[in-house]
Structures are given as C-alpha cells and as structure tokens.
C-alpha cells in the first residue's frame, strides 16, 4: 500500500502533462484545417520525377 503514495502523484503529474500538451495544441491551432490535410494527399503534383 505504500507504493500508492508514489503512484497516485505520478499518475496525476502525467495526466497534467498530457492535458497541458492538449491545451497547447489547441492554442497553436493544430486542429484548424482537418479536411485540408486529408485531401492534400489525393492531389497530384505537376512535377514528375525522372
């Protein structure tokens, strides 16, 4: 049971780090153009490799 003294704060810290990363990604507009990236792979390039 003594291990819970270390595991619970470690789990909370990891959760807060994950939440901070998610909030950062929202603020840096990572999710603005969801369809553009999906459609960009379907467009053909005009350049042909030799």
Protein backbone atom coordinates (compact mmCIF):
# COMPACT_ATOMS: atom_id res chain seq x y z
CA UNK A 1 0.00 0.00 0.00
CA UNK A 2 2.95 2.33 0.45
CA UNK A 3 3.55 2.28 -3.30
CA UNK A 4 0.27 4.19 -3.79
CA UNK A 5 1.93 7.18 -2.14
CA UNK A 6 4.22 7.36 -5.18
CA UNK A 7 1.90 6.09 -7.92
CA UNK A 8 -1.01 8.46 -7.37
CA UNK A 9 1.07 11.68 -7.61
CA UNK A 10 2.97 10.23 -10.58
CA UNK A 11 -0.31 9.48 -12.38
CA UNK A 12 -1.63 12.95 -11.61
CA UNK A 13 1.56 14.58 -12.91
CA UNK A 14 1.44 12.58 -16.15
CA UNK A 15 -2.21 13.46 -16.59
CA UNK A 16 -1.48 17.15 -16.11
CA UNK A 17 1.38 16.99 -18.61
CA UNK A 18 -0.95 15.37 -21.16
CA UNK A 19 -3.65 17.97 -20.50
CA UNK A 20 -1.12 20.80 -20.88
CA UNK A 21 0.05 19.33 -24.19
CA UNK A 22 -3.52 19.09 -25.45
CA UNK A 23 -4.31 22.68 -24.45
CA UNK A 24 -1.10 23.85 -26.13
CA UNK A 25 -2.07 22.07 -29.35
CA UNK A 26 -5.48 23.75 -29.29
CA UNK A 27 -3.97 27.19 -28.73
CA UNK A 28 -1.42 26.72 -31.52
CA UNK A 29 -4.29 25.88 -33.93
CA UNK A 30 -3.21 22.33 -34.72
CA UNK A 31 -6.82 21.30 -35.38
CA UNK A 32 -7.91 24.17 -37.63
CA UNK A 33 -7.76 22.51 -41.07
CA UNK A 34 -8.81 18.90 -40.62
CA UNK A 35 -10.06 18.32 -44.16
CA UNK A 36 -7.17 20.04 -45.93
CA UNK A 37 -4.59 17.53 -44.78
CA UNK A 38 -6.82 14.61 -45.71
CA UNK A 39 -7.45 15.92 -49.22
CA UNK A 40 -3.91 17.12 -49.87
CA UNK A 41 -2.65 13.54 -50.26
CA UNK A 42 -5.13 12.97 -53.10
CA UNK A 43 -3.92 15.89 -55.22
CA UNK A 44 -1.43 15.05 -57.92
CA UNK A 45 1.76 17.02 -58.20
CA UNK A 46 2.52 18.67 -61.54
CA UNK A 47 6.15 17.69 -61.19
CA UNK A 48 7.06 14.25 -62.47
CA UNK A 49 10.18 12.57 -61.20
CA UNK A 50 12.55 11.31 -63.92
